Amino acid sequence: MNKRMTTKGRPSSKGISLPVEMIVIIAIAVLVLVVIAAFFAGGFGPPGSTITDQAALSKGCNILKLRTPDCSAQLSEIKIPGYNPTGAESMKTTGDTLKTVCDRLGYSGTNYGDCKTACGCP
């Protein structure tokens, strides 16, 4: 007899269970890898903003200081690429402004002086 027999005279199914279990394990592993890849690619992040308010402030401050070293530019003129806190269609390509970041972080003051101070401006 070439077939493995169980005590009841039927062929054993041990040879079949290993490949099915292996396929299930591989499917679970692939699913886990896809979820991890989506997480790191930003698939589970908020749909509106691609960068945080703090990162946008840092980026906006750098743009402000490069454009006008004395920080004399209006904050509403400084566009921050990749910053879209509201998810507005009009901001997807250009980004929102440094003024918006300052408003969201609570920097106000006369002519947004507190925000410019946070940027390291005189």
N, C-alpha and C. Protein backbone atom coordinates (compact mmCIF):
# COMPACT_ATOMS: atom_id res chain seq x y z
N MET A 1 0.83 -1.18 0.00
CA MET A 1 0.00 0.00 0.00
C MET A 1 0.87 1.25 0.00
N ASN A 2 0.61 2.09 -0.95
CA ASN A 2 1.38 3.31 -1.06
C ASN A 2 0.74 4.47 -0.29
N LYS A 3 -0.55 4.42 -0.09
CA LYS A 3 -1.25 5.50 0.61
C LYS A 3 -1.17 5.29 2.11
N ARG A 4 -1.08 6.40 2.81
CA ARG A 4 -1.13 6.32 4.28
C ARG A 4 -2.56 6.09 4.68
N MET A 5 -2.77 5.20 5.54
CA MET A 5 -4.13 4.88 5.97
C MET A 5 -4.30 5.29 7.42
N THR A 6 -5.47 5.81 7.71
CA THR A 6 -5.80 6.10 9.10
C THR A 6 -6.38 4.84 9.70
N THR A 7 -6.77 4.95 10.93
CA THR A 7 -7.31 3.76 11.60
C THR A 7 -8.63 3.32 11.01
N LYS A 8 -9.32 4.22 10.33
CA LYS A 8 -10.62 3.86 9.77
C LYS A 8 -10.51 3.42 8.31
N GLY A 9 -9.32 3.34 7.77
CA GLY A 9 -9.15 2.87 6.42
C GLY A 9 -9.23 3.94 5.34
N ARG A 10 -9.30 5.22 5.73
CA ARG A 10 -9.33 6.30 4.74
C ARG A 10 -7.94 6.92 4.62
N PRO A 11 -7.65 7.50 3.47
CA PRO A 11 -6.34 8.13 3.31
C PRO A 11 -6.20 9.32 4.27
N SER A 12 -5.01 9.52 4.77
CA SER A 12 -4.73 10.63 5.68
C SER A 12 -4.71 11.94 4.89
N SER A 13 -5.18 13.01 5.49
CA SER A 13 -5.20 14.31 4.82
C SER A 13 -4.06 15.21 5.28
N LYS A 14 -3.05 14.65 5.93
CA LYS A 14 -1.94 15.46 6.43
C LYS A 14 -1.16 16.10 5.29
N GLY A 15 -1.04 15.47 4.18
CA GLY A 15 -0.33 16.03 3.04
C GLY A 15 -1.05 17.23 2.45
N ILE A 16 -2.33 17.31 2.58
CA ILE A 16 -3.11 18.41 2.03
C ILE A 16 -3.14 19.60 3.00
N SER A 17 -3.15 19.37 4.28
CA SER A 17 -3.29 20.46 5.24
C SER A 17 -2.07 21.38 5.26
N LEU A 18 -0.90 20.87 5.02
CA LEU A 18 0.29 21.71 5.06
C LEU A 18 0.27 22.77 3.96
N PRO A 19 -0.01 22.43 2.70
CA PRO A 19 -0.05 23.48 1.69
C PRO A 19 -1.17 24.51 1.93
N VAL A 20 -2.32 24.09 2.41
CA VAL A 20 -3.41 25.03 2.68
C VAL A 20 -3.00 25.98 3.80
N GLU A 21 -2.39 25.45 4.84
CA GLU A 21 -1.92 26.29 5.95
C GLU A 21 -0.85 27.25 5.46
N MET A 22 0.02 26.77 4.59
CA MET A 22 1.08 27.61 4.07
C MET A 22 0.50 28.76 3.23
N ILE A 23 -0.51 28.47 2.44
CA ILE A 23 -1.15 29.51 1.63
C ILE A 23 -1.81 30.55 2.53
N VAL A 24 -2.45 30.12 3.60
CA VAL A 24 -3.08 31.05 4.54
C VAL A 24 -2.02 31.92 5.20
N ILE A 25 -0.91 31.33 5.60
CA ILE A 25 0.17 32.09 6.25
C ILE A 25 0.76 33.11 5.28
N ILE A 26 0.97 32.70 4.04
CA ILE A 26 1.51 33.62 3.04
C ILE A 26 0.53 34.75 2.77
N ALA A 27 -0.76 34.45 2.69
CA ALA A 27 -1.77 35.48 2.46
C ALA A 27 -1.80 36.49 3.61
N ILE A 28 -1.71 36.00 4.82
CA ILE A 28 -1.70 36.90 5.99
C ILE A 28 -0.44 37.75 5.98
N ALA A 29 0.70 37.16 5.65
CA ALA A 29 1.96 37.90 5.61
C ALA A 29 1.90 39.00 4.54
N VAL A 30 1.36 38.69 3.38
CA VAL A 30 1.24 39.70 2.32
C VAL A 30 0.30 40.81 2.76
N LEU A 31 -0.80 40.47 3.40
CA LEU A 31 -1.74 41.48 3.89
C LEU A 31 -1.08 42.41 4.90
N VAL A 32 -0.32 41.84 5.82
CA VAL A 32 0.39 42.64 6.82
C VAL A 32 1.39 43.57 6.14
N LEU A 33 2.12 43.08 5.16
CA LEU A 33 3.09 43.92 4.46
C LEU A 33 2.41 45.05 3.70
N VAL A 34 1.27 44.78 3.11
CA VAL A 34 0.53 45.83 2.40
C VAL A 34 0.04 46.90 3.38
N VAL A 35 -0.45 46.48 4.53
CA VAL A 35 -0.91 47.45 5.54
C VAL A 35 0.25 48.30 6.04
N ILE A 36 1.39 47.68 6.29
CA ILE A 36 2.56 48.43 6.75
C ILE A 36 3.02 49.40 5.67
N ALA A 37 3.06 48.96 4.43
CA ALA A 37 3.47 49.84 3.33
C ALA A 37 2.50 51.01 3.18
N ALA A 38 1.21 50.76 3.30
CA ALA A 38 0.22 51.84 3.19
C ALA A 38 0.36 52.83 4.34
N PHE A 39 0.68 52.33 5.52
CA PHE A 39 0.85 53.20 6.69
C PHE A 39 2.03 54.14 6.47
N PHE A 40 3.17 53.60 6.01
CA PHE A 40 4.34 54.43 5.80
C PHE A 40 4.21 55.32 4.56
N ALA A 41 3.39 54.94 3.63
CA ALA A 41 3.17 55.76 2.44
C ALA A 41 2.15 56.86 2.71
N GLY A 42 1.54 56.85 3.88
CA GLY A 42 0.57 57.88 4.23
C GLY A 42 -0.85 57.52 3.87
N GLY A 43 -1.12 56.29 3.64
CA GLY A 43 -2.46 55.86 3.26
C GLY A 43 -3.48 55.98 4.38
N PHE A 44 -3.02 56.06 5.63
CA PHE A 44 -3.94 56.13 6.74
C PHE A 44 -3.93 57.50 7.41
N GLY A 45 -3.26 58.48 6.81
CA GLY A 45 -3.17 59.80 7.40
C GLY A 45 -4.42 60.62 7.14
N PRO A 46 -4.47 61.82 7.71
CA PRO A 46 -5.61 62.68 7.46
C PRO A 46 -5.64 63.11 6.00
N PRO A 47 -6.82 63.22 5.41
CA PRO A 47 -6.91 63.53 3.99
C PRO A 47 -6.52 64.95 3.63
N GLY A 48 -6.60 65.89 4.56
CA GLY A 48 -6.34 67.27 4.21
C GLY A 48 -4.87 67.63 4.21
N SER A 49 -4.28 67.75 5.35
CA SER A 49 -2.92 68.23 5.47
C SER A 49 -1.92 67.12 5.27
N THR A 50 -0.87 67.44 4.52
CA THR A 50 0.17 66.44 4.33
C THR A 50 1.32 66.66 5.30
N ILE A 51 1.42 67.85 5.88
CA ILE A 51 2.42 68.10 6.91
C ILE A 51 1.73 68.73 8.11
N THR A 52 2.35 68.60 9.26
CA THR A 52 1.76 69.12 10.50
C THR A 52 1.88 70.65 10.55
N ASP A 53 1.16 71.24 11.48
CA ASP A 53 1.23 72.69 11.64
C ASP A 53 2.64 73.13 12.03
N GLN A 54 3.28 72.38 12.93
CA GLN A 54 4.63 72.75 13.36
C GLN A 54 5.62 72.65 12.21
N ALA A 55 5.51 71.58 11.41
CA ALA A 55 6.40 71.43 10.25
C ALA A 55 6.13 72.54 9.24
N ALA A 56 4.86 72.92 9.08
CA ALA A 56 4.51 74.00 8.16
C ALA A 56 5.07 75.33 8.65
N LEU A 57 5.04 75.55 9.97
CA LEU A 57 5.60 76.78 10.53
C LEU A 57 7.10 76.84 10.24
N SER A 58 7.79 75.76 10.47
CA SER A 58 9.23 75.72 10.21
C SER A 58 9.54 75.98 8.74
N LYS A 59 8.80 75.32 7.87
CA LYS A 59 9.00 75.48 6.43
C LYS A 59 8.66 76.91 5.99
N GLY A 60 7.54 77.43 6.51
CA GLY A 60 7.12 78.79 6.17
C GLY A 60 8.11 79.84 6.66
N CYS A 61 8.65 79.63 7.86
CA CYS A 61 9.64 80.57 8.40
C CYS A 61 10.90 80.58 7.53
N ASN A 62 11.31 79.41 7.07
CA ASN A 62 12.48 79.35 6.19
C ASN A 62 12.22 80.10 4.89
N ILE A 63 11.03 79.92 4.33
CA ILE A 63 10.68 80.63 3.09
C ILE A 63 10.64 82.13 3.34
N LEU A 64 10.06 82.54 4.46
CA LEU A 64 9.98 83.97 4.81
C LEU A 64 11.37 84.59 4.91
N LYS A 65 12.28 83.91 5.61
CA LYS A 65 13.63 84.46 5.80
C LYS A 65 14.45 84.43 4.51
N LEU A 66 14.21 83.46 3.65
CA LEU A 66 14.91 83.44 2.37
C LEU A 66 14.40 84.54 1.44
N ARG A 67 13.10 84.77 1.46
CA ARG A 67 12.51 85.77 0.57
C ARG A 67 12.85 87.18 1.03
N THR A 68 12.71 87.44 2.32
CA THR A 68 13.02 88.75 2.89
C THR A 68 13.77 88.54 4.20
N PRO A 69 15.09 88.66 4.18
CA PRO A 69 15.88 88.42 5.40
C PRO A 69 15.45 89.26 6.60
N ASP A 70 14.86 90.43 6.34
CA ASP A 70 14.39 91.26 7.46
C ASP A 70 12.96 90.91 7.86
N CYS A 71 12.38 89.86 7.25
CA CYS A 71 11.04 89.36 7.56
C CYS A 71 9.95 90.40 7.32
N SER A 72 10.15 91.25 6.31
CA SER A 72 9.17 92.30 6.05
C SER A 72 8.00 91.85 5.19
N ALA A 73 8.06 90.66 4.62
CA ALA A 73 6.97 90.17 3.76
C ALA A 73 5.72 89.90 4.58
N GLN A 74 4.57 90.06 3.94
CA GLN A 74 3.30 89.74 4.58
C GLN A 74 3.19 88.22 4.71
N LEU A 75 2.69 87.75 5.84
CA LEU A 75 2.57 86.31 6.05
C LEU A 75 1.58 85.68 5.08
N SER A 76 0.63 86.46 4.62
CA SER A 76 -0.35 85.92 3.66
C SER A 76 0.24 85.72 2.27
N GLU A 77 1.45 86.26 2.03
CA GLU A 77 2.12 86.09 0.74
C GLU A 77 2.98 84.83 0.70
N ILE A 78 3.27 84.26 1.85
CA ILE A 78 4.17 83.11 1.93
C ILE A 78 3.36 81.83 1.81
N LYS A 79 3.45 81.19 0.64
CA LYS A 79 2.76 79.92 0.40
C LYS A 79 3.67 78.78 0.85
N ILE A 80 3.08 77.78 1.50
CA ILE A 80 3.84 76.63 2.01
C ILE A 80 3.42 75.40 1.22
N PRO A 81 4.27 74.95 0.30
CA PRO A 81 3.93 73.76 -0.51
C PRO A 81 3.72 72.54 0.37
N GLY A 82 2.66 71.81 0.10
CA GLY A 82 2.37 70.59 0.85
C GLY A 82 1.54 70.81 2.10
N TYR A 83 1.22 72.05 2.41
CA TYR A 83 0.42 72.35 3.60
C TYR A 83 -1.00 72.67 3.18
N ASN A 84 -1.92 71.82 3.59
CA ASN A 84 -3.33 71.97 3.22
C ASN A 84 -4.19 71.48 4.39
N PRO A 85 -4.29 72.26 5.46
CA PRO A 85 -4.98 71.77 6.66
C PRO A 85 -6.48 71.56 6.50
N THR A 86 -7.09 72.24 5.54
CA THR A 86 -8.53 72.11 5.38
C THR A 86 -8.92 71.13 4.29
N GLY A 87 -7.96 70.70 3.49
CA GLY A 87 -8.26 69.78 2.39
C GLY A 87 -8.90 70.48 1.21
N ALA A 88 -8.80 71.80 1.14
CA ALA A 88 -9.41 72.57 0.05
C ALA A 88 -8.75 72.23 -1.28
N GLU A 89 -9.58 72.06 -2.29
CA GLU A 89 -9.07 71.73 -3.63
C GLU A 89 -8.13 72.81 -4.16
N SER A 90 -8.44 74.07 -3.87
CA SER A 90 -7.64 75.18 -4.40
C SER A 90 -6.24 75.22 -3.80
N MET A 91 -6.03 74.57 -2.66
CA MET A 91 -4.73 74.60 -2.00
C MET A 91 -3.87 73.37 -2.29
N LYS A 92 -4.40 72.40 -3.01
CA LYS A 92 -3.67 71.15 -3.20
C LYS A 92 -2.36 71.33 -3.95
N THR A 93 -2.29 72.25 -4.88
CA THR A 93 -1.06 72.43 -5.64
C THR A 93 -0.19 73.55 -5.08
N THR A 94 -0.80 74.61 -4.56
CA THR A 94 -0.02 75.76 -4.10
C THR A 94 0.33 75.69 -2.62
N GLY A 95 -0.52 75.11 -1.81
CA GLY A 95 -0.31 75.11 -0.36
C GLY A 95 -0.95 76.32 0.27
N ASP A 96 -1.19 76.23 1.56
CA ASP A 96 -1.79 77.34 2.29
C ASP A 96 -0.69 78.30 2.71
N THR A 97 -1.06 79.37 3.42
CA THR A 97 -0.10 80.43 3.74
C THR A 97 0.44 80.32 5.16
N LEU A 98 1.51 81.07 5.39
CA LEU A 98 2.11 81.15 6.72
C LEU A 98 1.14 81.81 7.70
N LYS A 99 0.32 82.72 7.21
CA LYS A 99 -0.70 83.36 8.06
C LYS A 99 -1.66 82.32 8.62
N THR A 100 -2.06 81.35 7.80
CA THR A 100 -2.96 80.29 8.25
C THR A 100 -2.31 79.46 9.35
N VAL A 101 -1.03 79.14 9.16
CA VAL A 101 -0.30 78.37 10.18
C VAL A 101 -0.28 79.13 11.49
N CYS A 102 0.04 80.42 11.41
CA CYS A 102 0.11 81.24 12.62
C CYS A 102 -1.24 81.31 13.32
N ASP A 103 -2.31 81.44 12.55
CA ASP A 103 -3.65 81.45 13.13
C ASP A 103 -3.94 80.13 13.84
N ARG A 104 -3.60 79.03 13.19
CA ARG A 104 -3.89 77.71 13.76
C ARG A 104 -3.07 77.43 15.01
N LEU A 105 -1.87 77.98 15.09
CA LEU A 105 -1.02 77.75 16.26
C LEU A 105 -1.23 78.80 17.35
N GLY A 106 -2.09 79.77 17.11
CA GLY A 106 -2.41 80.75 18.15
C GLY A 106 -1.47 81.93 18.21
N TYR A 107 -0.60 82.11 17.22
CA TYR A 107 0.27 83.29 17.18
C TYR A 107 -0.52 84.42 16.54
N SER A 108 -0.64 85.50 17.28
CA SER A 108 -1.37 86.63 16.71
C SER A 108 -0.56 87.89 16.96
N GLY A 109 -1.02 88.76 17.77
CA GLY A 109 -0.29 89.98 18.04
C GLY A 109 -0.44 90.98 16.90
N THR A 110 0.11 92.17 17.10
CA THR A 110 0.04 93.21 16.09
C THR A 110 0.82 92.79 14.86
N ASN A 111 0.17 92.77 13.71
CA ASN A 111 0.79 92.39 12.44
C ASN A 111 1.49 91.03 12.55
N TYR A 112 0.92 90.15 13.35
CA TYR A 112 1.46 88.80 13.55
C TYR A 112 2.92 88.83 14.02
N GLY A 113 3.22 89.77 14.89
CA GLY A 113 4.57 89.88 15.44
C GLY A 113 5.00 88.64 16.21
N ASP A 114 4.04 88.02 16.95
CA ASP A 114 4.38 86.82 17.70
C ASP A 114 4.82 85.69 16.77
N CYS A 115 4.17 85.59 15.64
CA CYS A 115 4.51 84.54 14.68
C CYS A 115 5.89 84.81 14.08
N LYS A 116 6.14 86.06 13.75
CA LYS A 116 7.46 86.40 13.20
C LYS A 116 8.55 86.19 14.24
N THR A 117 8.23 86.45 15.50
CA THR A 117 9.19 86.18 16.58
C THR A 117 9.46 84.68 16.68
N ALA A 118 8.41 83.87 16.54
CA ALA A 118 8.58 82.42 16.57
C ALA A 118 9.44 81.94 15.41
N CYS A 119 9.45 82.69 14.33
CA CYS A 119 10.29 82.36 13.18
C CYS A 119 11.74 82.80 13.39
N GLY A 120 11.98 83.54 14.43
CA GLY A 120 13.34 84.02 14.69
C GLY A 120 13.62 85.35 14.03
N CYS A 121 12.57 86.06 13.68
CA CYS A 121 12.73 87.38 13.06
C CYS A 121 12.91 88.43 14.14
N PRO A 122 13.61 89.53 13.79
CA PRO A 122 13.81 90.60 14.78
C PRO A 122 12.52 91.37 15.06
